[in-house]
Amino acid sequence: EILRLMASGFSNKEIANSLGVAEGTIKNHVSNILSKLGVRDRTRAVLKAFELQLV
């Protein structure tokens, strides 16, 4: 869900608000997503997610 919202251009704060969780929680999840996809930033994560058909 977080990856899909990232792909839609949502900021961490916007994602947190839409999911009803703390922004810090989203930051942790984004960090884990970047690590699992083997990328350094959100843009590359979204591109990789599209390549892998995750979103």
N, C-alpha and C. Protein backbone atom coordinates (compact mmCIF):
# COMPACT_ATOMS: atom_id res chain seq x y z
N GLU A 1 0.83 -1.19 0.00
CA GLU A 1 0.00 0.00 0.00
C GLU A 1 0.87 1.25 0.00
N ILE A 2 1.90 1.24 0.82
CA ILE A 2 2.80 2.40 0.90
C ILE A 2 3.49 2.62 -0.43
N LEU A 3 3.95 1.55 -1.05
CA LEU A 3 4.62 1.66 -2.34
C LEU A 3 3.67 2.23 -3.40
N ARG A 4 2.43 1.81 -3.37
CA ARG A 4 1.44 2.32 -4.32
C ARG A 4 1.22 3.82 -4.12
N LEU A 5 1.14 4.24 -2.86
CA LEU A 5 0.96 5.67 -2.57
C LEU A 5 2.21 6.47 -2.95
N MET A 6 3.38 5.89 -2.73
CA MET A 6 4.61 6.54 -3.17
C MET A 6 4.58 6.74 -4.68
N ALA A 7 4.14 5.73 -5.40
CA ALA A 7 4.07 5.80 -6.86
C ALA A 7 3.08 6.87 -7.31
N SER A 8 2.10 7.17 -6.47
CA SER A 8 1.11 8.20 -6.79
C SER A 8 1.61 9.59 -6.44
N GLY A 9 2.82 9.68 -5.88
CA GLY A 9 3.42 10.97 -5.58
C GLY A 9 3.15 11.50 -4.18
N PHE A 10 2.63 10.65 -3.31
CA PHE A 10 2.34 11.08 -1.94
C PHE A 10 3.64 11.25 -1.15
N SER A 11 3.68 12.26 -0.28
CA SER A 11 4.80 12.44 0.64
C SER A 11 4.61 11.50 1.83
N ASN A 12 5.65 11.37 2.64
CA ASN A 12 5.54 10.54 3.84
C ASN A 12 4.39 11.01 4.72
N LYS A 13 4.27 12.33 4.88
CA LYS A 13 3.22 12.89 5.72
C LYS A 13 1.84 12.58 5.15
N GLU A 14 1.69 12.70 3.84
CA GLU A 14 0.40 12.41 3.19
C GLU A 14 0.05 10.93 3.32
N ILE A 15 1.06 10.07 3.18
CA ILE A 15 0.83 8.63 3.33
C ILE A 15 0.39 8.33 4.76
N ALA A 16 1.10 8.92 5.72
CA ALA A 16 0.77 8.71 7.14
C ALA A 16 -0.66 9.14 7.43
N ASN A 17 -1.04 10.30 6.93
CA ASN A 17 -2.40 10.80 7.16
C ASN A 17 -3.45 9.90 6.53
N SER A 18 -3.17 9.42 5.32
CA SER A 18 -4.17 8.58 4.64
C SER A 18 -4.30 7.21 5.29
N LEU A 19 -3.24 6.73 5.92
CA LEU A 19 -3.29 5.41 6.56
C LEU A 19 -3.56 5.51 8.06
N GLY A 20 -3.54 6.71 8.60
CA GLY A 20 -3.82 6.90 10.02
C GLY A 20 -2.71 6.41 10.94
N VAL A 21 -1.47 6.58 10.49
CA VAL A 21 -0.32 6.18 11.31
C VAL A 21 0.64 7.37 11.42
N ALA A 22 1.65 7.23 12.26
CA ALA A 22 2.64 8.29 12.45
C ALA A 22 3.57 8.38 11.24
N GLU A 23 4.04 9.59 10.97
CA GLU A 23 4.97 9.80 9.86
C GLU A 23 6.25 8.98 10.06
N GLY A 24 6.69 8.84 11.30
CA GLY A 24 7.89 8.04 11.58
C GLY A 24 7.72 6.59 11.17
N THR A 25 6.51 6.07 11.33
CA THR A 25 6.22 4.70 10.91
C THR A 25 6.39 4.57 9.41
N ILE A 26 5.91 5.56 8.67
CA ILE A 26 6.03 5.54 7.21
C ILE A 26 7.50 5.63 6.81
N LYS A 27 8.26 6.48 7.50
CA LYS A 27 9.69 6.60 7.20
C LYS A 27 10.39 5.26 7.37
N ASN A 28 10.04 4.53 8.42
CA ASN A 28 10.63 3.20 8.64
C ASN A 28 10.25 2.25 7.52
N HIS A 29 8.99 2.26 7.13
CA HIS A 29 8.53 1.37 6.06
C HIS A 29 9.20 1.72 4.74
N VAL A 30 9.32 3.02 4.45
CA VAL A 30 9.97 3.45 3.20
C VAL A 30 11.43 3.01 3.20
N SER A 31 12.09 3.15 4.33
CA SER A 31 13.48 2.72 4.44
C SER A 31 13.61 1.22 4.17
N ASN A 32 12.68 0.44 4.72
CA ASN A 32 12.69 -1.00 4.48
C ASN A 32 12.42 -1.33 3.02
N ILE A 33 11.51 -0.60 2.39
CA ILE A 33 11.20 -0.81 0.97
C ILE A 33 12.44 -0.52 0.12
N LEU A 34 13.12 0.59 0.40
CA LEU A 34 14.33 0.94 -0.35
C LEU A 34 15.37 -0.16 -0.22
N SER A 35 15.54 -0.65 0.99
CA SER A 35 16.52 -1.71 1.25
C SER A 35 16.16 -2.98 0.50
N LYS A 36 14.91 -3.39 0.57
CA LYS A 36 14.48 -4.63 -0.08
C LYS A 36 14.58 -4.55 -1.59
N LEU A 37 14.34 -3.36 -2.15
CA LEU A 37 14.43 -3.20 -3.60
C LEU A 37 15.86 -2.91 -4.05
N GLY A 38 16.75 -2.66 -3.09
CA GLY A 38 18.15 -2.41 -3.41
C GLY A 38 18.38 -1.07 -4.10
N VAL A 39 17.64 -0.06 -3.67
CA VAL A 39 17.77 1.27 -4.27
C VAL A 39 18.03 2.30 -3.18
N ARG A 40 18.40 3.52 -3.61
CA ARG A 40 18.79 4.55 -2.65
C ARG A 40 17.74 5.62 -2.40
N ASP A 41 16.78 5.76 -3.32
CA ASP A 41 15.81 6.83 -3.13
C ASP A 41 14.43 6.41 -3.60
N ARG A 42 13.45 7.24 -3.26
CA ARG A 42 12.04 6.94 -3.56
C ARG A 42 11.78 6.82 -5.05
N THR A 43 12.39 7.69 -5.83
CA THR A 43 12.17 7.67 -7.28
C THR A 43 12.61 6.34 -7.87
N ARG A 44 13.80 5.89 -7.49
CA ARG A 44 14.29 4.61 -7.99
C ARG A 44 13.43 3.45 -7.48
N ALA A 45 12.93 3.59 -6.26
CA ALA A 45 12.06 2.54 -5.70
C ALA A 45 10.79 2.41 -6.53
N VAL A 46 10.21 3.53 -6.89
CA VAL A 46 8.98 3.51 -7.69
C VAL A 46 9.26 2.93 -9.08
N LEU A 47 10.36 3.35 -9.70
CA LEU A 47 10.72 2.81 -11.01
C LEU A 47 10.94 1.30 -10.95
N LYS A 48 11.64 0.86 -9.93
CA LYS A 48 11.89 -0.58 -9.76
C LYS A 48 10.58 -1.33 -9.51
N ALA A 49 9.70 -0.74 -8.74
CA ALA A 49 8.40 -1.37 -8.46
C ALA A 49 7.61 -1.55 -9.75
N PHE A 50 7.66 -0.56 -10.64
CA PHE A 50 6.98 -0.70 -11.93
C PHE A 50 7.64 -1.78 -12.77
N GLU A 51 8.98 -1.82 -12.78
CA GLU A 51 9.71 -2.85 -13.53
C GLU A 51 9.32 -4.25 -13.05
N LEU A 52 9.17 -4.40 -11.75
CA LEU A 52 8.83 -5.70 -11.15
C LEU A 52 7.32 -5.94 -11.10
N GLN A 53 6.57 -4.99 -11.63
CA GLN A 53 5.11 -5.05 -11.65
C GLN A 53 4.51 -5.21 -10.25
N LEU A 54 5.08 -4.48 -9.31
CA LEU A 54 4.57 -4.48 -7.93
C LEU A 54 3.47 -3.46 -7.74
N VAL A 55 3.42 -2.49 -8.64
CA VAL A 55 2.35 -1.46 -8.58
C VAL A 55 1.70 -1.36 -9.94
